[in-house]
Full PDB file with SEQRES, HELIX, SHEET, SSBOND, CRYST1, ORIGX, SCALE, CONECT and MASTER records, all heavy atoms in Angstrom:
SEQRES   1 A   41  CYS ALA ALA SER GLY GLY ILE PHE ARG ASP TYR VAL MET          
SEQRES   2 A   41  GLY TRP PHE ARG ARG ALA PRO GLY LYS GLU ARG GLU PHE          
SEQRES   3 A   41  VAL ALA ALA ILE ASN TRP ARG GLY ASP ILE THR ASP TYR          
SEQRES   4 A   41  THR ASP                                                      
HELIX    1 AA1 PHE A    8  ASP A   10  5                                   3    
SHEET    1 AA1 3 MET A  13  ARG A  18  0                                        
SHEET    2 AA1 3 ARG A  24  ILE A  30 -1                                        
SHEET    3 AA1 3 THR A  37  TYR A  39 -1                                        
CRYST1    1.000    1.000    1.000  90.00  90.00  90.00 P 1           1          
ORIGX1      1.000000  0.000000  0.000000        0.00000                         
ORIGX2      0.000000  1.000000  0.000000        0.00000                         
ORIGX3      0.000000  0.000000  1.000000        0.00000                         
SCALE1      1.000000  0.000000  0.000000        0.00000                         
SCALE2      0.000000  1.000000  0.000000        0.00000                         
SCALE3      0.000000  0.000000  1.000000        0.00000                         
ATOM      1  N   CYS A   1      90.897  88.169 121.699  1.00  0.00           N  
ATOM      2  CA  CYS A   1      91.532  89.334 122.340  1.00  0.00           C  
ATOM      3  C   CYS A   1      90.921  89.492 123.716  1.00  0.00           C  
ATOM      4  O   CYS A   1      89.731  89.783 123.846  1.00  0.00           O  
ATOM      5  CB  CYS A   1      91.300  90.578 121.503  1.00  0.00           C  
ATOM      6  SG  CYS A   1      91.865  92.097 122.291  1.00  0.00           S  
ATOM      7  N   ALA A   2      91.741  89.281 124.729  1.00  0.00           N  
ATOM      8  CA  ALA A   2      91.277  89.391 126.102  1.00  0.00           C  
ATOM      9  C   ALA A   2      91.622  90.764 126.652  1.00  0.00           C  
ATOM     10  O   ALA A   2      92.768  91.229 126.525  1.00  0.00           O  
ATOM     11  CB  ALA A   2      91.943  88.322 126.963  1.00  0.00           C  
ATOM     12  N   ALA A   3      90.623  91.407 127.228  1.00  0.00           N  
ATOM     13  CA  ALA A   3      90.794  92.749 127.766  1.00  0.00           C  
ATOM     14  C   ALA A   3      90.799  92.737 129.277  1.00  0.00           C  
ATOM     15  O   ALA A   3      90.097  91.952 129.911  1.00  0.00           O  
ATOM     16  CB  ALA A   3      89.672  93.662 127.255  1.00  0.00           C  
ATOM     17  N   SER A   4      91.546  93.657 129.854  1.00  0.00           N  
ATOM     18  CA  SER A   4      91.568  93.792 131.322  1.00  0.00           C  
ATOM     19  C   SER A   4      91.860  95.256 131.639  1.00  0.00           C  
ATOM     20  O   SER A   4      92.370  96.016 130.807  1.00  0.00           O  
ATOM     21  CB  SER A   4      92.630  92.902 131.945  1.00  0.00           C  
ATOM     22  OG  SER A   4      93.904  93.235 131.491  1.00  0.00           O  
ATOM     23  N   GLY A   5      91.471  95.658 132.848  1.00  0.00           N  
ATOM     24  CA  GLY A   5      91.794  96.988 133.329  1.00  0.00           C  
ATOM     25  C   GLY A   5      90.754  98.027 133.068  1.00  0.00           C  
ATOM     26  O   GLY A   5      90.962  99.215 133.387  1.00  0.00           O  
ATOM     27  N   GLY A   6      89.636  97.682 132.492  1.00  0.00           N  
ATOM     28  CA  GLY A   6      88.579  98.650 132.257  1.00  0.00           C  
ATOM     29  C   GLY A   6      87.229  97.991 132.241  1.00  0.00           C  
ATOM     30  O   GLY A   6      87.111  96.785 132.494  1.00  0.00           O  
ATOM     31  N   ILE A   7      86.198  98.758 131.966  1.00  0.00           N  
ATOM     32  CA  ILE A   7      84.865  98.221 131.859  1.00  0.00           C  
ATOM     33  C   ILE A   7      84.638  97.871 130.392  1.00  0.00           C  
ATOM     34  O   ILE A   7      84.488  98.764 129.560  1.00  0.00           O  
ATOM     35  CB  ILE A   7      83.806  99.232 132.350  1.00  0.00           C  
ATOM     36  CG1 ILE A   7      84.079  99.549 133.827  1.00  0.00           C  
ATOM     37  CG2 ILE A   7      82.401  98.668 132.176  1.00  0.00           C  
ATOM     38  CD1 ILE A   7      83.183 100.638 134.379  1.00  0.00           C  
ATOM     39  N   PHE A   8      84.613  96.596 130.094  1.00  0.00           N  
ATOM     40  CA  PHE A   8      84.674  96.116 128.722  1.00  0.00           C  
ATOM     41  C   PHE A   8      83.521  96.692 127.878  1.00  0.00           C  
ATOM     42  O   PHE A   8      83.703  97.059 126.724  1.00  0.00           O  
ATOM     43  CB  PHE A   8      84.661  94.596 128.720  1.00  0.00           C  
ATOM     44  CG  PHE A   8      84.956  93.976 127.380  1.00  0.00           C  
ATOM     45  CD1 PHE A   8      86.124  94.224 126.715  1.00  0.00           C  
ATOM     46  CD2 PHE A   8      84.021  93.101 126.806  1.00  0.00           C  
ATOM     47  CE1 PHE A   8      86.384  93.639 125.486  1.00  0.00           C  
ATOM     48  CE2 PHE A   8      84.277  92.518 125.586  1.00  0.00           C  
ATOM     49  CZ  PHE A   8      85.455  92.794 124.917  1.00  0.00           C  
ATOM     50  N   ARG A   9      82.339  96.768 128.491  1.00  0.00           N  
ATOM     51  CA  ARG A   9      81.188  97.207 127.689  1.00  0.00           C  
ATOM     52  C   ARG A   9      81.256  98.710 127.354  1.00  0.00           C  
ATOM     53  O   ARG A   9      80.446  99.186 126.550  1.00  0.00           O  
ATOM     54  CB  ARG A   9      79.897  96.902 128.407  1.00  0.00           C  
ATOM     55  CG  ARG A   9      79.698  97.658 129.721  1.00  0.00           C  
ATOM     56  CD  ARG A   9      78.378  97.317 130.373  1.00  0.00           C  
ATOM     57  NE  ARG A   9      78.210  97.999 131.645  1.00  0.00           N  
ATOM     58  CZ  ARG A   9      78.636  97.548 132.804  1.00  0.00           C  
ATOM     59  NH1 ARG A   9      79.277  96.387 132.846  1.00  0.00           N  
ATOM     60  NH2 ARG A   9      78.442  98.245 133.885  1.00  0.00           N  
ATOM     61  N   ASP A  10      82.195  99.435 127.914  1.00  0.00           N  
ATOM     62  CA  ASP A  10      82.381 100.834 127.580  1.00  0.00           C  
ATOM     63  C   ASP A  10      83.134 101.052 126.273  1.00  0.00           C  
ATOM     64  O   ASP A  10      83.356 102.183 125.860  1.00  0.00           O  
ATOM     65  CB  ASP A  10      83.141 101.559 128.700  1.00  0.00           C  
ATOM     66  CG  ASP A  10      82.246 101.925 129.868  1.00  0.00           C  
ATOM     67  OD1 ASP A  10      81.009 101.841 129.721  1.00  0.00           O  
ATOM     68  OD2 ASP A  10      82.807 102.285 130.922  1.00  0.00           O  
ATOM     69  N   TYR A  11      83.544  99.936 125.657  1.00  0.00           N  
ATOM     70  CA  TYR A  11      84.425 100.041 124.509  1.00  0.00           C  
ATOM     71  C   TYR A  11      83.824  99.390 123.267  1.00  0.00           C  
ATOM     72  O   TYR A  11      83.366  98.223 123.319  1.00  0.00           O  
ATOM     73  CB  TYR A  11      85.798  99.427 124.804  1.00  0.00           C  
ATOM     74  CG  TYR A  11      86.548 100.189 125.851  1.00  0.00           C  
ATOM     75  CD1 TYR A  11      86.364  99.927 127.189  1.00  0.00           C  
ATOM     76  CD2 TYR A  11      87.458 101.180 125.465  1.00  0.00           C  
ATOM     77  CE1 TYR A  11      87.055 100.684 128.159  1.00  0.00           C  
ATOM     78  CE2 TYR A  11      88.152 101.907 126.413  1.00  0.00           C  
ATOM     79  CZ  TYR A  11      87.952 101.651 127.734  1.00  0.00           C  
ATOM     80  OH  TYR A  11      88.633 102.372 128.686  1.00  0.00           O  
ATOM     81  N   VAL A  12      83.867 100.129 122.184  1.00  0.00           N  
ATOM     82  CA  VAL A  12      83.755  99.512 120.861  1.00  0.00           C  
ATOM     83  C   VAL A  12      85.069  98.791 120.615  1.00  0.00           C  
ATOM     84  O   VAL A  12      86.143  99.309 120.921  1.00  0.00           O  
ATOM     85  CB  VAL A  12      83.536 100.587 119.774  1.00  0.00           C  
ATOM     86  CG1 VAL A  12      83.809 100.057 118.402  1.00  0.00           C  
ATOM     87  CG2 VAL A  12      82.115 101.153 119.878  1.00  0.00           C  
ATOM     88  N   MET A  13      84.991  97.574 120.110  1.00  0.00           N  
ATOM     89  CA  MET A  13      86.172  96.787 119.870  1.00  0.00           C  
ATOM     90  C   MET A  13      86.390  96.627 118.368  1.00  0.00           C  
ATOM     91  O   MET A  13      85.446  96.408 117.594  1.00  0.00           O  
ATOM     92  CB  MET A  13      86.057  95.419 120.550  1.00  0.00           C  
ATOM     93  CG  MET A  13      85.904  95.483 122.034  1.00  0.00           C  
ATOM     94  SD  MET A  13      87.284  96.299 122.872  1.00  0.00           S  
ATOM     95  CE  MET A  13      88.633  95.181 122.460  1.00  0.00           C  
ATOM     96  N   GLY A  14      87.636  96.710 117.979  1.00  0.00           N  
ATOM     97  CA  GLY A  14      87.950  96.573 116.561  1.00  0.00           C  
ATOM     98  C   GLY A  14      89.142  95.654 116.317  1.00  0.00           C  
ATOM     99  O   GLY A  14      89.935  95.391 117.229  1.00  0.00           O  
ATOM    100  N   TRP A  15      89.202  95.176 115.098  1.00  0.00           N  
ATOM    101  CA  TRP A  15      90.355  94.428 114.623  1.00  0.00           C  
ATOM    102  C   TRP A  15      90.949  95.165 113.424  1.00  0.00           C  
ATOM    103  O   TRP A  15      90.211  95.616 112.517  1.00  0.00           O  
ATOM    104  CB  TRP A  15      89.964  93.024 114.192  1.00  0.00           C  
ATOM    105  CG  TRP A  15      89.678  92.088 115.320  1.00  0.00           C  
ATOM    106  CD1 TRP A  15      88.453  91.774 115.853  1.00  0.00           C  
ATOM    107  CD2 TRP A  15      90.641  91.318 116.068  1.00  0.00           C  
ATOM    108  NE1 TRP A  15      88.603  90.881 116.866  1.00  0.00           N  
ATOM    109  CE2 TRP A  15      89.916  90.582 117.034  1.00  0.00           C  
ATOM    110  CE3 TRP A  15      92.031  91.194 116.023  1.00  0.00           C  
ATOM    111  CZ2 TRP A  15      90.550  89.727 117.947  1.00  0.00           C  
ATOM    112  CZ3 TRP A  15      92.653  90.363 116.934  1.00  0.00           C  
ATOM    113  CH2 TRP A  15      91.917  89.629 117.879  1.00  0.00           C  
ATOM    114  N   PHE A  16      92.261  95.297 113.428  1.00  0.00           N  
ATOM    115  CA  PHE A  16      92.986  95.904 112.335  1.00  0.00           C  
ATOM    116  C   PHE A  16      94.080  94.912 111.926  1.00  0.00           C  
ATOM    117  O   PHE A  16      94.399  93.962 112.649  1.00  0.00           O  
ATOM    118  CB  PHE A  16      93.621  97.208 112.761  1.00  0.00           C  
ATOM    119  CG  PHE A  16      92.630  98.318 112.981  1.00  0.00           C  
ATOM    120  CD1 PHE A  16      91.842  98.354 114.123  1.00  0.00           C  
ATOM    121  CD2 PHE A  16      92.487  99.340 112.048  1.00  0.00           C  
ATOM    122  CE1 PHE A  16      90.909  99.365 114.335  1.00  0.00           C  
ATOM    123  CE2 PHE A  16      91.572 100.358 112.248  1.00  0.00           C  
ATOM    124  CZ  PHE A  16      90.785 100.363 113.395  1.00  0.00           C  
ATOM    125  N   ARG A  17      94.692  95.155 110.770  1.00  0.00           N  
ATOM    126  CA  ARG A  17      95.832  94.331 110.375  1.00  0.00           C  
ATOM    127  C   ARG A  17      96.837  95.157 109.613  1.00  0.00           C  
ATOM    128  O   ARG A  17      96.500  96.167 108.983  1.00  0.00           O  
ATOM    129  CB  ARG A  17      95.356  93.149 109.515  1.00  0.00           C  
ATOM    130  CG  ARG A  17      94.711  93.549 108.188  1.00  0.00           C  
ATOM    131  CD  ARG A  17      94.116  92.344 107.493  1.00  0.00           C  
ATOM    132  NE  ARG A  17      93.426  92.732 106.249  1.00  0.00           N  
ATOM    133  CZ  ARG A  17      92.618  91.903 105.566  1.00  0.00           C  
ATOM    134  NH1 ARG A  17      92.409  90.677 105.998  1.00  0.00           N  
ATOM    135  NH2 ARG A  17      92.059  92.337 104.458  1.00  0.00           N  
ATOM    136  N   ARG A  18      98.096  94.735 109.691  1.00  0.00           N  
ATOM    137  CA  ARG A  18      99.178  95.369 108.919  1.00  0.00           C  
ATOM    138  C   ARG A  18      99.924  94.300 108.172  1.00  0.00           C  
ATOM    139  O   ARG A  18     100.575  93.464 108.778  1.00  0.00           O  
ATOM    140  CB  ARG A  18     100.108  96.142 109.825  1.00  0.00           C  
ATOM    141  CG  ARG A  18     101.125  96.978 109.055  1.00  0.00           C  
ATOM    142  CD  ARG A  18     102.254  97.443 109.951  1.00  0.00           C  
ATOM    143  NE  ARG A  18     101.825  98.208 111.073  1.00  0.00           N  
ATOM    144  CZ  ARG A  18     101.646  99.530 111.069  1.00  0.00           C  
ATOM    145  NH1 ARG A  18     101.914 100.206 109.955  1.00  0.00           N  
ATOM    146  NH2 ARG A  18     101.307 100.173 112.160  1.00  0.00           N  
ATOM    147  N   ALA A  19      99.811  94.352 106.859  1.00  0.00           N  
ATOM    148  CA  ALA A  19     100.557  93.427 105.997  1.00  0.00           C  
ATOM    149  C   ALA A  19     101.952  93.951 105.781  1.00  0.00           C  
ATOM    150  O   ALA A  19     102.192  95.166 105.891  1.00  0.00           O  
ATOM    151  CB  ALA A  19      99.809  93.228 104.689  1.00  0.00           C  
ATOM    152  N   PRO A  20     102.884  93.090 105.426  1.00  0.00           N  
ATOM    153  CA  PRO A  20     104.243  93.544 105.177  1.00  0.00           C  
ATOM    154  C   PRO A  20     104.309  94.644 104.128  1.00  0.00           C  
ATOM    155  O   PRO A  20     103.763  94.511 103.040  1.00  0.00           O  
ATOM    156  CB  PRO A  20     104.952  92.270 104.668  1.00  0.00           C  
ATOM    157  CG  PRO A  20     104.167  91.168 105.272  1.00  0.00           C  
ATOM    158  CD  PRO A  20     102.770  91.633 105.295  1.00  0.00           C  
ATOM    159  N   GLY A  21     104.942  95.762 104.493  1.00  0.00           N  
ATOM    160  CA  GLY A  21     105.105  96.847 103.539  1.00  0.00           C  
ATOM    161  C   GLY A  21     103.900  97.703 103.330  1.00  0.00           C  
ATOM    162  O   GLY A  21     103.868  98.591 102.470  1.00  0.00           O  
ATOM    163  N   LYS A  22     102.840  97.469 104.101  1.00  0.00           N  
ATOM    164  CA  LYS A  22     101.607  98.226 103.940  1.00  0.00           C  
ATOM    165  C   LYS A  22     101.206  98.918 105.230  1.00  0.00           C  
ATOM    166  O   LYS A  22     101.700  98.613 106.318  1.00  0.00           O  
ATOM    167  CB  LYS A  22     100.469  97.291 103.481  1.00  0.00           C  
ATOM    168  CG  LYS A  22     100.715  96.707 102.110  1.00  0.00           C  
ATOM    169  CD  LYS A  22      99.491  95.922 101.646  1.00  0.00           C  
ATOM    170  CE  LYS A  22      99.673  95.385 100.234  1.00  0.00           C  
ATOM    171  NZ  LYS A  22      98.470  94.652  99.762  1.00  0.00           N  
ATOM    172  N   GLU A  23     100.290  99.859 105.110  1.00  0.00           N  
ATOM    173  CA  GLU A  23      99.771 100.558 106.272  1.00  0.00           C  
ATOM    174  C   GLU A  23      98.765  99.668 107.002  1.00  0.00           C  
ATOM    175  O   GLU A  23      98.146  98.771 106.414  1.00  0.00           O  
ATOM    176  CB  GLU A  23      99.123 101.866 105.864  1.00  0.00           C  
ATOM    177  CG  GLU A  23     100.095 102.883 105.309  1.00  0.00           C  
ATOM    178  CD  GLU A  23      99.438 104.221 105.054  1.00  0.00           C  
ATOM    179  OE1 GLU A  23      98.207 104.312 105.167  1.00  0.00           O  
ATOM    180  OE2 GLU A  23     100.179 105.178 104.739  1.00  0.00           O  
ATOM    181  N   ARG A  24      98.580  99.975 108.286  1.00  0.00           N  
ATOM    182  CA  ARG A  24      97.570  99.262 109.047  1.00  0.00           C  
ATOM    183  C   ARG A  24      96.189  99.605 108.491  1.00  0.00           C  
ATOM    184  O   ARG A  24      95.902 100.748 108.166  1.00  0.00           O  
ATOM    185  CB  ARG A  24      97.667  99.688 110.502  1.00  0.00           C  
ATOM    186  CG  ARG A  24      96.787  98.898 111.458  1.00  0.00           C  
ATOM    187  CD  ARG A  24      97.211  99.087 112.889  1.00  0.00           C  
ATOM    188  NE  ARG A  24      97.231 100.493 113.304  1.00  0.00           N  
ATOM    189  CZ  ARG A  24      97.775 100.907 114.436  1.00  0.00           C  
ATOM    190  NH1 ARG A  24      98.314 100.038 115.263  1.00  0.00           N  
ATOM    191  NH2 ARG A  24      97.771 102.198 114.744  1.00  0.00           N  
ATOM    192  N   GLU A  25      95.341  98.562 108.404  1.00  0.00           N  
ATOM    193  CA  GLU A  25      93.998  98.787 107.840  1.00  0.00           C  
ATOM    194  C   GLU A  25      92.925  98.183 108.752  1.00  0.00           C  
ATOM    195  O   GLU A  25      93.169  97.231 109.476  1.00  0.00           O  
ATOM    196  CB  GLU A  25      93.899  98.160 106.436  1.00  0.00           C  
ATOM    197  CG  GLU A  25      94.020  96.641 106.410  1.00  0.00           C  
ATOM    198  CD  GLU A  25      93.667  96.055 105.049  1.00  0.00           C  
ATOM    199  OE1 GLU A  25      93.137  96.796 104.182  1.00  0.00           O  
ATOM    200  OE2 GLU A  25      93.893  94.868 104.874  1.00  0.00           O  
ATOM    201  N   PHE A  26      91.765  98.776 108.655  1.00  0.00           N  
ATOM    202  CA  PHE A  26      90.602  98.322 109.403  1.00  0.00           C  
ATOM    203  C   PHE A  26      90.125  96.979 108.860  1.00  0.00           C  
ATOM    204  O   PHE A  26      90.084  96.770 107.656  1.00  0.00           O  
ATOM    205  CB  PHE A  26      89.506  99.361 109.287  1.00  0.00           C  
ATOM    206  CG  PHE A  26      88.166  98.920 109.816  1.00  0.00           C  
ATOM    207  CD1 PHE A  26      87.905  98.890 111.157  1.00  0.00           C  
ATOM    208  CD2 PHE A  26      87.152  98.542 108.931  1.00  0.00           C  
ATOM    209  CE1 PHE A  26      86.673  98.474 111.656  1.00  0.00           C  
ATOM    210  CE2 PHE A  26      85.934  98.137 109.395  1.00  0.00           C  
ATOM    211  CZ  PHE A  26      85.679  98.121 110.770  1.00  0.00           C  
ATOM    212  N   VAL A  27      89.708  96.099 109.783  1.00  0.00           N  
ATOM    213  CA  VAL A  27      89.148  94.824 109.382  1.00  0.00           C  
ATOM    214  C   VAL A  27      87.693  94.714 109.833  1.00  0.00           C  
ATOM    215  O   VAL A  27      86.816  94.436 109.003  1.00  0.00           O  
ATOM    216  CB  VAL A  27      89.945  93.641 109.961  1.00  0.00           C  
ATOM    217  CG1 VAL A  27      89.298  92.317 109.608  1.00  0.00           C  
ATOM    218  CG2 VAL A  27      91.401  93.667 109.485  1.00  0.00           C  
ATOM    219  N   ALA A  28      87.449  94.936 111.109  1.00  0.00           N  
ATOM    220  CA  ALA A  28      86.087  94.760 111.628  1.00  0.00           C  
ATOM    221  C   ALA A  28      85.955  95.488 112.957  1.00  0.00           C  
ATOM    222  O   ALA A  28      86.936  95.745 113.638  1.00  0.00           O  
ATOM    223  CB  ALA A  28      85.778  93.276 111.835  1.00  0.00           C  
ATOM    224  N   ALA A  29      84.692  95.799 113.323  1.00  0.00           N  
ATOM    225  CA  ALA A  29      84.425  96.434 114.609  1.00  0.00           C  
ATOM    226  C   ALA A  29      83.058  95.964 115.111  1.00  0.00           C  
ATOM    227  O   ALA A  29      82.213  95.536 114.316  1.00  0.00           O  
ATOM    228  CB  ALA A  29      84.460  97.952 114.486  1.00  0.00           C  
ATOM    229  N   ILE A  30      82.879  96.088 116.420  1.00  0.00           N  
ATOM    230  CA  ILE A  30      81.634  95.641 117.044  1.00  0.00           C  
ATOM    231  C   ILE A  30      81.282  96.548 118.185  1.00  0.00           C  
ATOM    232  O   ILE A  30      82.135  97.026 118.923  1.00  0.00           O  
ATOM    233  CB  ILE A  30      81.789  94.166 117.509  1.00  0.00           C  
ATOM    234  CG1 ILE A  30      80.452  93.567 117.960  1.00  0.00           C  
ATOM    235  CG2 ILE A  30      82.858  94.054 118.598  1.00  0.00           C  
ATOM    236  CD1 ILE A  30      80.504  92.041 118.137  1.00  0.00           C  
ATOM    237  N   ASN A  31      79.985  96.809 118.354  1.00  0.00           N  
ATOM    238  CA  ASN A  31      79.525  97.707 119.418  1.00  0.00           C  
ATOM    239  C   ASN A  31      79.504  96.993 120.749  1.00  0.00           C  
ATOM    240  O   ASN A  31      79.731  95.775 120.842  1.00  0.00           O  
ATOM    241  CB  ASN A  31      78.201  98.338 119.057  1.00  0.00           C  
ATOM    242  CG  ASN A  31      77.042  97.352 119.213  1.00  0.00           C  
ATOM    243  OD1 ASN A  31      77.210  96.162 118.934  1.00  0.00           O  
ATOM    244  ND2 ASN A  31      75.892  97.840 119.597  1.00  0.00           N  
ATOM    245  N   TRP A  32      79.130  97.691 121.805  1.00  0.00           N  
ATOM    246  CA  TRP A  32      79.232  97.158 123.145  1.00  0.00           C  
ATOM    247  C   TRP A  32      78.335  95.952 123.370  1.00  0.00           C  
ATOM    248  O   TRP A  32      78.694  95.027 124.104  1.00  0.00           O  
ATOM    249  CB  TRP A  32      78.920  98.235 124.185  1.00  0.00           C  
ATOM    250  CG  TRP A  32      77.464  98.605 124.247  1.00  0.00           C  
ATOM    251  CD1 TRP A  32      76.797  99.476 123.423  1.00  0.00           C  
ATOM    252  CD2 TRP A  32      76.506  98.110 125.166  1.00  0.00           C  
ATOM    253  NE1 TRP A  32      75.493  99.570 123.779  1.00  0.00           N  
ATOM    254  CE2 TRP A  32      75.259  98.735 124.837  1.00  0.00           C  
ATOM    255  CE3 TRP A  32      76.538  97.213 126.222  1.00  0.00           C  
ATOM    256  CZ2 TRP A  32      74.075  98.488 125.546  1.00  0.00           C  
ATOM    257  CZ3 TRP A  32      75.373  96.959 126.935  1.00  0.00           C  
ATOM    258  CH2 TRP A  32      74.156  97.585 126.598  1.00  0.00           C  
ATOM    259  N   ARG A  33      77.163  95.982 122.716  1.00  0.00           N  
ATOM    260  CA  ARG A  33      76.215  94.890 122.957  1.00  0.00           C  
ATOM    261  C   ARG A  33      76.422  93.715 122.017  1.00  0.00           C  
ATOM    262  O   ARG A  33      75.865  92.634 122.221  1.00  0.00           O  
ATOM    263  CB  ARG A  33      74.801  95.431 122.803  1.00  0.00           C  
ATOM    264  CG  ARG A  33      73.722  94.535 123.406  1.00  0.00           C  
ATOM    265  CD  ARG A  33      72.456  95.330 123.700  1.00  0.00           C  
ATOM    266  NE  ARG A  33      71.994  96.115 122.541  1.00  0.00           N  
ATOM    267  CZ  ARG A  33      70.967  96.951 122.609  1.00  0.00           C  
ATOM    268  NH1 ARG A  33      70.364  97.170 123.743  1.00  0.00           N  
ATOM    269  NH2 ARG A  33      70.590  97.596 121.535  1.00  0.00           N  
ATOM    270  N   GLY A  34      77.216  93.951 120.972  1.00  0.00           N  
ATOM    271  CA  GLY A  34      77.491  92.879 120.011  1.00  0.00           C  
ATOM    272  C   GLY A  34      76.469  92.731 118.933  1.00  0.00           C  
ATOM    273  O   GLY A  34      76.500  91.738 118.191  1.00  0.00           O  
ATOM    274  N   ASP A  35      75.538  93.676 118.809  1.00  0.00           N  
ATOM    275  CA  ASP A  35      74.485  93.523 117.799  1.00  0.00           C  
ATOM    276  C   ASP A  35      74.670  94.425 116.612  1.00  0.00           C  
ATOM    277  O   ASP A  35      73.865  94.389 115.656  1.00  0.00           O  
ATOM    278  CB  ASP A  35      73.104  93.774 118.434  1.00  0.00           C  
ATOM    279  CG  ASP A  35      72.970  95.161 119.044  1.00  0.00           C  
ATOM    280  OD1 ASP A  35      73.998  95.837 119.225  1.00  0.00           O  
ATOM    281  OD2 ASP A  35      71.843  95.541 119.394  1.00  0.00           O  
ATOM    282  N   ILE A  36      75.743  95.199 116.620  1.00  0.00           N  
ATOM    283  CA  ILE A  36      76.065  96.055 115.458  1.00  0.00           C  
ATOM    284  C   ILE A  36      77.529  95.809 115.108  1.00  0.00           C  
ATOM    285  O   ILE A  36      78.407  95.895 115.968  1.00  0.00           O  
ATOM    286  CB  ILE A  36      75.847  97.539 115.747  1.00  0.00           C  
ATOM    287  CG1 ILE A  36      74.375  97.796 116.058  1.00  0.00           C  
ATOM    288  CG2 ILE A  36      76.301  98.408 114.560  1.00  0.00           C  
ATOM    289  CD1 ILE A  36      74.075  99.216 116.480  1.00  0.00           C  
ATOM    290  N   THR A  37      77.760  95.488 113.849  1.00  0.00           N  
ATOM    291  CA  THR A  37      79.117  95.181 113.380  1.00  0.00           C  
ATOM    292  C   THR A  37      79.390  95.904 112.084  1.00  0.00           C  
ATOM    293  O   THR A  37      78.482  96.335 111.372  1.00  0.00           O  
ATOM    294  CB  THR A  37      79.314  93.671 113.169  1.00  0.00           C  
ATOM    295  OG1 THR A  37      78.344  93.180 112.221  1.00  0.00           O  
ATOM    296  CG2 THR A  37      79.172  92.905 114.472  1.00  0.00           C  
ATOM    297  N   ASP A  38      80.660  96.011 111.763  1.00  0.00           N  
ATOM    298  CA  ASP A  38      81.086  96.611 110.509  1.00  0.00           C  
ATOM    299  C   ASP A  38      82.333  95.870 110.033  1.00  0.00           C  
ATOM    300  O   ASP A  38      83.137  95.421 110.842  1.00  0.00           O  
ATOM    301  CB  ASP A  38      81.387  98.107 110.683  1.00  0.00           C  
ATOM    302  CG  ASP A  38      81.585  98.828 109.383  1.00  0.00           C  
ATOM    303  OD1 ASP A  38      81.190  98.302 108.317  1.00  0.00           O  
ATOM    304  OD2 ASP A  38      82.186  99.927 109.392  1.00  0.00           O  
ATOM    305  N   TYR A  39      82.444  95.739 108.715  1.00  0.00           N  
ATOM    306  CA  TYR A  39      83.562  95.006 108.140  1.00  0.00           C  
ATOM    307  C   TYR A  39      84.112  95.761 106.941  1.00  0.00           C  
ATOM    308  O   TYR A  39      83.352  96.430 106.200  1.00  0.00           O  
ATOM    309  CB  TYR A  39      83.137  93.612 107.663  1.00  0.00           C  
ATOM    310  CG  TYR A  39      82.610  92.714 108.742  1.00  0.00           C  
ATOM    311  CD1 TYR A  39      81.264  92.684 109.053  1.00  0.00           C  
ATOM    312  CD2 TYR A  39      83.470  91.882 109.431  1.00  0.00           C  
ATOM    313  CE1 TYR A  39      80.775  91.833 110.022  1.00  0.00           C  
ATOM    314  CE2 TYR A  39      82.986  91.039 110.415  1.00  0.00           C  
ATOM    315  CZ  TYR A  39      81.633  91.023 110.704  1.00  0.00           C  
ATOM    316  OH  TYR A  39      81.165  90.177 111.706  1.00  0.00           O  
ATOM    317  N   THR A  40      85.389  95.631 106.696  1.00  0.00           N  
ATOM    318  CA  THR A  40      85.906  96.096 105.437  1.00  0.00           C  
ATOM    319  C   THR A  40      85.356  95.195 104.332  1.00  0.00           C  
ATOM    320  O   THR A  40      85.088  93.998 104.563  1.00  0.00           O  
ATOM    321  CB  THR A  40      87.438  96.123 105.432  1.00  0.00           C  
ATOM    322  OG1 THR A  40      87.933  96.804 104.286  1.00  0.00           O  
ATOM    323  CG2 THR A  40      88.019  94.707 105.457  1.00  0.00           C  
ATOM    324  N   ASP A  41      85.161  95.742 103.154  1.00  0.00           N  
ATOM    325  CA  ASP A  41      84.474  95.016 102.096  1.00  0.00           C  
ATOM    326  C   ASP A  41      85.125  93.675 101.761  1.00  0.00           C  
ATOM    327  O   ASP A  41      84.445  92.695 101.463  1.00  0.00           O  
ATOM    328  CB  ASP A  41      84.396  95.884 100.828  1.00  0.00           C  
ATOM    329  CG  ASP A  41      83.372  97.001 100.953  1.00  0.00           C  
ATOM    330  OD1 ASP A  41      82.561  96.941 101.874  1.00  0.00           O  
ATOM    331  OD2 ASP A  41      83.420  97.925 100.106  1.00  0.00           O  
TER     332      ASP A  41                                                      
MASTER        0    0    0    1    3    0    0    6  331    1    0    4          
END                                                                             
């Protein structure tokens, strides 16, 4: 995922997904420095 138009390190970045017929769900996220992450189980 390539970002433009802002200061990238100002943003926590996340990944979500939407399967057919389902709601969008959280997959993973990462802090600005890249040393803290979170994942769905």
